[in-house]
């Protein structure tokens, strides 16, 4: 999936949701797409997100469980 077709606002929305579980996440800066997922750079660090979770945030955000969000928030790395 090219960067231009990935809904950036879905990444931003997902970061907002994840920040409820980890207040250190910061604001969206940029992202890069790889075969294994999407590396999102924020104002304070980075987090690797699966493409399918971004797509679910775009299509049906209510189908992302609280446990998935809390687990994803643990993947955040300060820079």
PDB file of N, CA and C in Angstrom:
ATOM      1  N   UNK A   1       0.855  -1.175   0.000  1.00  0.00           N
ATOM      2  CA  UNK A   1       0.000   0.000   0.000  1.00  0.00           C
ATOM      3  C   UNK A   1       0.900   1.237   0.000  1.00  0.00           C
ATOM      4  N   UNK A   2       0.758   2.094  -1.002  1.00  0.00           N
ATOM      5  CA  UNK A   2       1.559   3.320  -1.034  1.00  0.00           C
ATOM      6  C   UNK A   2       1.162   4.272   0.089  1.00  0.00           C
ATOM      7  N   UNK A   3       2.127   5.074   0.523  1.00  0.00           N
ATOM      8  CA  UNK A   3       1.890   6.019   1.613  1.00  0.00           C
ATOM      9  C   UNK A   3       0.732   6.953   1.293  1.00  0.00           C
ATOM     10  N   UNK A   4       0.599   7.327   0.027  1.00  0.00           N
ATOM     11  CA  UNK A   4      -0.431   8.288  -0.366  1.00  0.00           C
ATOM     12  C   UNK A   4      -1.850   7.730  -0.249  1.00  0.00           C
ATOM     13  N   UNK A   5      -2.006   6.404  -0.212  1.00  0.00           N
ATOM     14  CA  UNK A   5      -3.349   5.833  -0.117  1.00  0.00           C
ATOM     15  C   UNK A   5      -3.723   5.430   1.308  1.00  0.00           C
ATOM     16  N   UNK A   6      -2.772   5.487   2.214  1.00  0.00           N
ATOM     17  CA  UNK A   6      -3.059   5.174   3.611  1.00  0.00           C
ATOM     18  C   UNK A   6      -3.715   6.398   4.254  1.00  0.00           C
ATOM     19  N   UNK A   7      -4.871   6.213   4.893  1.00  0.00           N
ATOM     20  CA  UNK A   7      -5.569   7.360   5.485  1.00  0.00           C
ATOM     21  C   UNK A   7      -4.824   7.900   6.716  1.00  0.00           C
ATOM     22  N   UNK A   8      -4.069   8.965   6.518  1.00  0.00           N
ATOM     23  CA  UNK A   8      -3.257   9.531   7.591  1.00  0.00           C
ATOM     24  C   UNK A   8      -4.102   9.919   8.794  1.00  0.00           C
ATOM     25  N   UNK A   9      -5.297  10.443   8.537  1.00  0.00           N
ATOM     26  CA  UNK A   9      -6.135  10.845   9.676  1.00  0.00           C
ATOM     27  C   UNK A   9      -6.533   9.654  10.533  1.00  0.00           C
ATOM     28  N   UNK A  10      -6.586   8.449   9.963  1.00  0.00           N
ATOM     29  CA  UNK A  10      -6.872   7.255  10.766  1.00  0.00           C
ATOM     30  C   UNK A  10      -5.704   6.969  11.713  1.00  0.00           C
ATOM     31  N   UNK A  11      -4.489   7.238  11.262  1.00  0.00           N
ATOM     32  CA  UNK A  11      -3.317   7.071  12.127  1.00  0.00           C
ATOM     33  C   UNK A  11      -3.374   8.089  13.263  1.00  0.00           C
ATOM     34  N   UNK A  12      -3.711   9.330  12.929  1.00  0.00           N
ATOM     35  CA  UNK A  12      -3.813  10.384  13.941  1.00  0.00           C
ATOM     36  C   UNK A  12      -4.884  10.026  14.968  1.00  0.00           C
ATOM     37  N   UNK A  13      -6.037   9.569  14.503  1.00  0.00           N
ATOM     38  CA  UNK A  13      -7.113   9.160  15.414  1.00  0.00           C
ATOM     39  C   UNK A  13      -6.666   8.015  16.311  1.00  0.00           C
ATOM     40  N   UNK A  14      -5.950   7.074  15.730  1.00  0.00           N
ATOM     41  CA  UNK A  14      -5.460   5.932  16.497  1.00  0.00           C
ATOM     42  C   UNK A  14      -4.455   6.387  17.560  1.00  0.00           C
ATOM     43  N   UNK A  15      -3.581   7.309  17.219  1.00  0.00           N
ATOM     44  CA  UNK A  15      -2.638   7.839  18.204  1.00  0.00           C
ATOM     45  C   UNK A  15      -3.373   8.523  19.355  1.00  0.00           C
ATOM     46  N   UNK A  16      -4.426   9.245  19.047  1.00  0.00           N
ATOM     47  CA  UNK A  16      -5.229   9.898  20.084  1.00  0.00           C
ATOM     48  C   UNK A  16      -5.819   8.841  21.015  1.00  0.00           C
ATOM     49  N   UNK A  17      -6.346   7.780  20.433  1.00  0.00           N
ATOM     50  CA  UNK A  17      -6.917   6.701  21.255  1.00  0.00           C
ATOM     51  C   UNK A  17      -5.847   6.012  22.088  1.00  0.00           C
ATOM     52  N   UNK A  18      -4.670   5.780  21.494  1.00  0.00           N
ATOM     53  CA  UNK A  18      -3.587   5.114  22.208  1.00  0.00           C
ATOM     54  C   UNK A  18      -3.040   5.979  23.339  1.00  0.00           C
ATOM     55  N   UNK A  19      -3.105   7.290  23.177  1.00  0.00           N
ATOM     56  CA  UNK A  19      -2.578   8.182  24.212  1.00  0.00           C
ATOM     57  C   UNK A  19      -3.390   8.108  25.507  1.00  0.00           C
ATOM     58  N   UNK A  20      -4.585   7.531  25.441  1.00  0.00           N
ATOM     59  CA  UNK A  20      -5.370   7.300  26.658  1.00  0.00           C
ATOM     60  C   UNK A  20      -4.710   6.227  27.521  1.00  0.00           C
ATOM     61  N   UNK A  21      -3.893   5.384  26.899  1.00  0.00           N
ATOM     62  CA  UNK A  21      -3.219   4.293  27.604  1.00  0.00           C
ATOM     63  C   UNK A  21      -1.745   4.600  27.866  1.00  0.00           C
ATOM     64  N   UNK A  22      -1.197   5.539  27.099  1.00  0.00           N
ATOM     65  CA  UNK A  22       0.195   5.936  27.269  1.00  0.00           C
ATOM     66  C   UNK A  22       0.296   7.420  26.923  1.00  0.00           C
ATOM     67  N   UNK A  23       0.341   8.257  27.948  1.00  0.00           N
ATOM     68  CA  UNK A  23       0.330   9.701  27.745  1.00  0.00           C
ATOM     69  C   UNK A  23       1.616  10.236  27.115  1.00  0.00           C
ATOM     70  N   UNK A  24       2.635   9.407  26.972  1.00  0.00           N
ATOM     71  CA  UNK A  24       3.906   9.833  26.383  1.00  0.00           C
ATOM     72  C   UNK A  24       3.928   9.771  24.859  1.00  0.00           C
ATOM     73  N   UNK A  25       2.891   9.255  24.244  1.00  0.00           N
ATOM     74  CA  UNK A  25       2.899   9.000  22.800  1.00  0.00           C
ATOM     75  C   UNK A  25       3.159  10.248  21.958  1.00  0.00           C
ATOM     76  N   UNK A  26       2.611  11.375  22.288  1.00  0.00           N
ATOM     77  CA  UNK A  26       2.875  12.602  21.533  1.00  0.00           C
ATOM     78  C   UNK A  26       2.022  12.729  20.287  1.00  0.00           C
ATOM     79  N   UNK A  27       2.371  13.715  19.466  1.00  0.00           N
ATOM     80  CA  UNK A  27       1.601  14.055  18.265  1.00  0.00           C
ATOM     81  C   UNK A  27       2.210  13.441  17.008  1.00  0.00           C
ATOM     82  N   UNK A  28       1.360  13.153  16.052  1.00  0.00           N
ATOM     83  CA  UNK A  28       1.785  12.589  14.764  1.00  0.00           C
ATOM     84  C   UNK A  28       2.755  13.526  14.056  1.00  0.00           C
ATOM     85  N   UNK A  29       3.833  12.955  13.513  1.00  0.00           N
ATOM     86  CA  UNK A  29       4.789  13.702  12.692  1.00  0.00           C
ATOM     87  C   UNK A  29       4.881  13.137  11.275  1.00  0.00           C
ATOM     88  N   UNK A  30       5.019  11.803  11.155  1.00  0.00           N
ATOM     89  CA  UNK A  30       5.210  11.173   9.848  1.00  0.00           C
ATOM     90  C   UNK A  30       5.025   9.667   9.995  1.00  0.00           C
ATOM     91  N   UNK A  31       4.940   8.978   8.875  1.00  0.00           N
ATOM     92  CA  UNK A  31       4.888   7.518   8.911  1.00  0.00           C
ATOM     93  C   UNK A  31       5.557   6.928   7.682  1.00  0.00           C
ATOM     94  N   UNK A  32       6.008   5.681   7.817  1.00  0.00           N
ATOM     95  CA  UNK A  32       6.606   4.917   6.732  1.00  0.00           C
ATOM     96  C   UNK A  32       5.951   3.552   6.714  1.00  0.00           C
ATOM     97  N   UNK A  33       5.677   3.074   5.509  1.00  0.00           N
ATOM     98  CA  UNK A  33       5.005   1.782   5.349  1.00  0.00           C
ATOM     99  C   UNK A  33       6.031   0.711   4.976  1.00  0.00           C
ATOM    100  N   UNK A  34       5.958  -0.413   5.680  1.00  0.00           N
ATOM    101  CA  UNK A  34       6.802  -1.571   5.419  1.00  0.00           C
ATOM    102  C   UNK A  34       5.901  -2.785   5.260  1.00  0.00           C
ATOM    103  N   UNK A  35       6.468  -3.893   4.782  1.00  0.00           N
ATOM    104  CA  UNK A  35       5.687  -5.132   4.642  1.00  0.00           C
ATOM    105  C   UNK A  35       5.103  -5.582   5.972  1.00  0.00           C
ATOM    106  N   UNK A  36       5.844  -5.335   7.044  1.00  0.00           N
ATOM    107  CA  UNK A  36       5.421  -5.814   8.359  1.00  0.00           C
ATOM    108  C   UNK A  36       4.548  -4.823   9.123  1.00  0.00           C
ATOM    109  N   UNK A  37       4.274  -3.670   8.562  1.00  0.00           N
ATOM    110  CA  UNK A  37       3.419  -2.700   9.239  1.00  0.00           C
ATOM    111  C   UNK A  37       3.792  -1.268   8.915  1.00  0.00           C
ATOM    112  N   UNK A  38       3.374  -0.364   9.787  1.00  0.00           N
ATOM    113  CA  UNK A  38       3.590   1.060   9.576  1.00  0.00           C
ATOM    114  C   UNK A  38       4.361   1.611  10.774  1.00  0.00           C
ATOM    115  N   UNK A  39       5.485   2.248  10.503  1.00  0.00           N
ATOM    116  CA  UNK A  39       6.256   2.901  11.554  1.00  0.00           C
ATOM    117  C   UNK A  39       5.785   4.351  11.604  1.00  0.00           C
ATOM    118  N   UNK A  40       5.249   4.727  12.760  1.00  0.00           N
ATOM    119  CA  UNK A  40       4.713   6.070  12.948  1.00  0.00           C
ATOM    120  C   UNK A  40       5.652   6.844  13.849  1.00  0.00           C
ATOM    121  N   UNK A  41       6.093   7.997  13.357  1.00  0.00           N
ATOM    122  CA  UNK A  41       6.951   8.872  14.151  1.00  0.00           C
ATOM    123  C   UNK A  41       6.069   9.930  14.801  1.00  0.00           C
ATOM    124  N   UNK A  42       6.289  10.138  16.091  1.00  0.00           N
ATOM    125  CA  UNK A  42       5.530  11.153  16.818  1.00  0.00           C
ATOM    126  C   UNK A  42       6.499  12.213  17.359  1.00  0.00           C
ATOM    127  N   UNK A  43       5.951  13.198  18.023  1.00  0.00           N
ATOM    128  CA  UNK A  43       6.774  14.270  18.580  1.00  0.00           C
ATOM    129  C   UNK A  43       7.668  13.792  19.725  1.00  0.00           C
ATOM    130  N   UNK A  44       7.396  12.601  20.244  1.00  0.00           N
ATOM    131  CA  UNK A  44       8.184  12.094  21.372  1.00  0.00           C
ATOM    132  C   UNK A  44       8.840  10.735  21.126  1.00  0.00           C
ATOM    133  N   UNK A  45       8.527  10.074  20.026  1.00  0.00           N
ATOM    134  CA  UNK A  45       9.093   8.750  19.775  1.00  0.00           C
ATOM    135  C   UNK A  45       8.506   8.101  18.544  1.00  0.00           C
ATOM    136  N   UNK A  46       8.317   6.790  18.621  1.00  0.00           N
ATOM    137  CA  UNK A  46       7.776   6.056  17.476  1.00  0.00           C
ATOM    138  C   UNK A  46       7.010   4.822  17.951  1.00  0.00           C
ATOM    139  N   UNK A  47       6.152   4.358  17.064  1.00  0.00           N
ATOM    140  CA  UNK A  47       5.382   3.152  17.346  1.00  0.00           C
ATOM    141  C   UNK A  47       5.128   2.432  16.026  1.00  0.00           C
ATOM    142  N   UNK A  48       5.270   1.120  16.049  1.00  0.00           N
ATOM    143  CA  UNK A  48       5.004   0.305  14.862  1.00  0.00           C
ATOM    144  C   UNK A  48       3.591  -0.254  14.976  1.00  0.00           C
ATOM    145  N   UNK A  49       2.773   0.048  13.977  1.00  0.00           N
ATOM    146  CA  UNK A  49       1.376  -0.381  13.977  1.00  0.00           C
ATOM    147  C   UNK A  49       1.108  -1.326  12.808  1.00  0.00           C
ATOM    148  N   UNK A  50       0.309  -2.358  13.035  1.00  0.00           N
ATOM    149  CA  UNK A  50      -0.088  -3.233  11.931  1.00  0.00           C
ATOM    150  C   UNK A  50      -1.015  -2.470  10.969  1.00  0.00           C
ATOM    151  N   UNK A  51      -0.864  -2.739   9.686  1.00  0.00           N
ATOM    152  CA  UNK A  51      -1.737  -2.101   8.686  1.00  0.00           C
ATOM    153  C   UNK A  51      -3.206  -2.376   8.971  1.00  0.00           C
ATOM    154  N   UNK A  52      -3.507  -3.583   9.427  1.00  0.00           N
ATOM    155  CA  UNK A  52      -4.916  -3.945   9.621  1.00  0.00           C
ATOM    156  C   UNK A  52      -5.576  -3.128  10.731  1.00  0.00           C
ATOM    157  N   UNK A  53      -4.820  -2.704  11.733  1.00  0.00           N
ATOM    158  CA  UNK A  53      -5.411  -1.915  12.808  1.00  0.00           C
ATOM    159  C   UNK A  53      -5.718  -0.499  12.306  1.00  0.00           C
ATOM    160  N   UNK A  54      -4.870   0.020  11.433  1.00  0.00           N
ATOM    161  CA  UNK A  54      -5.135   1.348  10.838  1.00  0.00           C
ATOM    162  C   UNK A  54      -6.353   1.259   9.933  1.00  0.00           C
ATOM    163  N   UNK A  55      -6.444   0.178   9.180  1.00  0.00           N
ATOM    164  CA  UNK A  55      -7.601  -0.001   8.305  1.00  0.00           C
ATOM    165  C   UNK A  55      -8.883  -0.138   9.120  1.00  0.00           C
ATOM    166  N   UNK A  56      -8.823  -0.846  10.242  1.00  0.00           N
ATOM    167  CA  UNK A  56     -10.008  -0.968  11.102  1.00  0.00           C
ATOM    168  C   UNK A  56     -10.378   0.374  11.716  1.00  0.00           C
ATOM    169  N   UNK A  57      -9.370   1.178  12.075  1.00  0.00           N
ATOM    170  CA  UNK A  57      -9.661   2.514  12.597  1.00  0.00           C
ATOM    171  C   UNK A  57     -10.380   3.337  11.536  1.00  0.00           C
ATOM    172  N   UNK A  58     -10.012   3.157  10.290  1.00  0.00           N
ATOM    173  CA  UNK A  58     -10.640   3.865   9.176  1.00  0.00           C
ATOM    174  C   UNK A  58     -12.052   3.350   8.916  1.00  0.00           C
ATOM    175  N   UNK A  59     -12.223   2.024   8.855  1.00  0.00           N
ATOM    176  CA  UNK A  59     -13.506   1.418   8.489  1.00  0.00           C
ATOM    177  C   UNK A  59     -14.490   1.312   9.652  1.00  0.00           C
ATOM    178  N   UNK A  60     -14.042   0.797  10.765  1.00  0.00           N
ATOM    179  CA  UNK A  60     -14.927   0.483  11.899  1.00  0.00           C
ATOM    180  C   UNK A  60     -14.174   0.610  13.218  1.00  0.00           C
ATOM    181  N   UNK A  61     -13.920   1.823  13.669  1.00  0.00           N
ATOM    182  CA  UNK A  61     -13.118   1.994  14.887  1.00  0.00           C
ATOM    183  C   UNK A  61     -13.713   1.329  16.128  1.00  0.00           C
ATOM    184  N   UNK A  62     -15.025   1.139  16.146  1.00  0.00           N
ATOM    185  CA  UNK A  62     -15.659   0.502  17.306  1.00  0.00           C
ATOM    186  C   UNK A  62     -15.266  -0.967  17.446  1.00  0.00           C
ATOM    187  N   UNK A  63     -14.696  -1.545  16.397  1.00  0.00           N
ATOM    188  CA  UNK A  63     -14.296  -2.946  16.442  1.00  0.00           C
ATOM    189  C   UNK A  63     -12.858  -3.148  16.903  1.00  0.00           C
ATOM    190  N   UNK A  64     -12.228  -2.085  17.373  1.00  0.00           N
ATOM    191  CA  UNK A  64     -10.913  -2.205  17.996  1.00  0.00           C
ATOM    192  C   UNK A  64     -11.158  -2.234  19.497  1.00  0.00           C
ATOM    193  N   UNK A  65     -10.795  -3.324  20.114  1.00  0.00           N
ATOM    194  CA  UNK A  65     -11.096  -3.505  21.540  1.00  0.00           C
ATOM    195  C   UNK A  65     -10.151  -2.686  22.424  1.00  0.00           C
ATOM    196  N   UNK A  66     -10.594  -2.463  23.635  1.00  0.00           N
ATOM    197  CA  UNK A  66      -9.776  -1.751  24.623  1.00  0.00           C
ATOM    198  C   UNK A  66      -8.491  -2.526  24.905  1.00  0.00           C
ATOM    199  N   UNK A  67      -8.580  -3.829  24.940  1.00  0.00           N
ATOM    200  CA  UNK A  67      -7.381  -4.637  25.199  1.00  0.00           C
ATOM    201  C   UNK A  67      -6.380  -4.527  24.045  1.00  0.00           C
ATOM    202  N   UNK A  68      -6.869  -4.452  22.801  1.00  0.00           N
ATOM    203  CA  UNK A  68      -5.969  -4.249  21.666  1.00  0.00           C
ATOM    204  C   UNK A  68      -5.267  -2.898  21.771  1.00  0.00           C
ATOM    205  N   UNK A  69      -6.020  -1.874  22.139  1.00  0.00           N
ATOM    206  CA  UNK A  69      -5.445  -0.535  22.265  1.00  0.00           C
ATOM    207  C   UNK A  69      -4.394  -0.494  23.363  1.00  0.00           C
ATOM    208  N   UNK A  70      -4.695  -1.075  24.517  1.00  0.00           N
ATOM    209  CA  UNK A  70      -3.731  -1.040  25.616  1.00  0.00           C
ATOM    210  C   UNK A  70      -2.468  -1.826  25.267  1.00  0.00           C
ATOM    211  N   UNK A  71      -2.613  -2.931  24.542  1.00  0.00           N
ATOM    212  CA  UNK A  71      -1.457  -3.718  24.117  1.00  0.00           C
ATOM    213  C   UNK A  71      -0.621  -2.942  23.106  1.00  0.00           C
ATOM    214  N   UNK A  72      -1.279  -2.296  22.153  1.00  0.00           N
ATOM    215  CA  UNK A  72      -0.557  -1.492  21.161  1.00  0.00           C
ATOM    216  C   UNK A  72       0.188  -0.341  21.818  1.00  0.00           C
ATOM    217  N   UNK A  73      -0.416   0.302  22.791  1.00  0.00           N
ATOM    218  CA  UNK A  73       0.217   1.438  23.479  1.00  0.00           C
ATOM    219  C   UNK A  73       1.532   1.034  24.131  1.00  0.00           C
ATOM    220  N   UNK A  74       1.657  -0.225  24.511  1.00  0.00           N
ATOM    221  CA  UNK A  74       2.893  -0.717  25.120  1.00  0.00           C
ATOM    222  C   UNK A  74       4.048  -0.771  24.119  1.00  0.00           C
ATOM    223  N   UNK A  75       3.744  -0.745  22.821  1.00  0.00           N
ATOM    224  CA  UNK A  75       4.775  -0.821  21.785  1.00  0.00           C
ATOM    225  C   UNK A  75       5.483   0.507  21.548  1.00  0.00           C
ATOM    226  N   UNK A  76       4.971   1.579  22.125  1.00  0.00           N
ATOM    227  CA  UNK A  76       5.557   2.906  21.912  1.00  0.00           C
ATOM    228  C   UNK A  76       6.964   2.994  22.495  1.00  0.00           C
ATOM    229  N   UNK A  77       7.862   3.604  21.728  1.00  0.00           N
ATOM    230  CA  UNK A  77       9.250   3.775  22.173  1.00  0.00           C
ATOM    231  C   UNK A  77       9.600   5.263  22.151  1.00  0.00           C
ATOM    232  N   UNK A  78      10.050   5.761  23.283  1.00  0.00           N
ATOM    233  CA  UNK A  78      10.526   7.149  23.357  1.00  0.00           C
ATOM    234  C   UNK A  78      11.814   7.286  22.562  1.00  0.00           C
ATOM    235  N   UNK A  79      12.004   8.476  21.970  1.00  0.00           N
ATOM    236  CA  UNK A  79      13.286   8.682  21.267  1.00  0.00           C
ATOM    237  C   UNK A  79      14.188   9.620  22.026  1.00  0.00           C
TER     238      UNK A  79
END
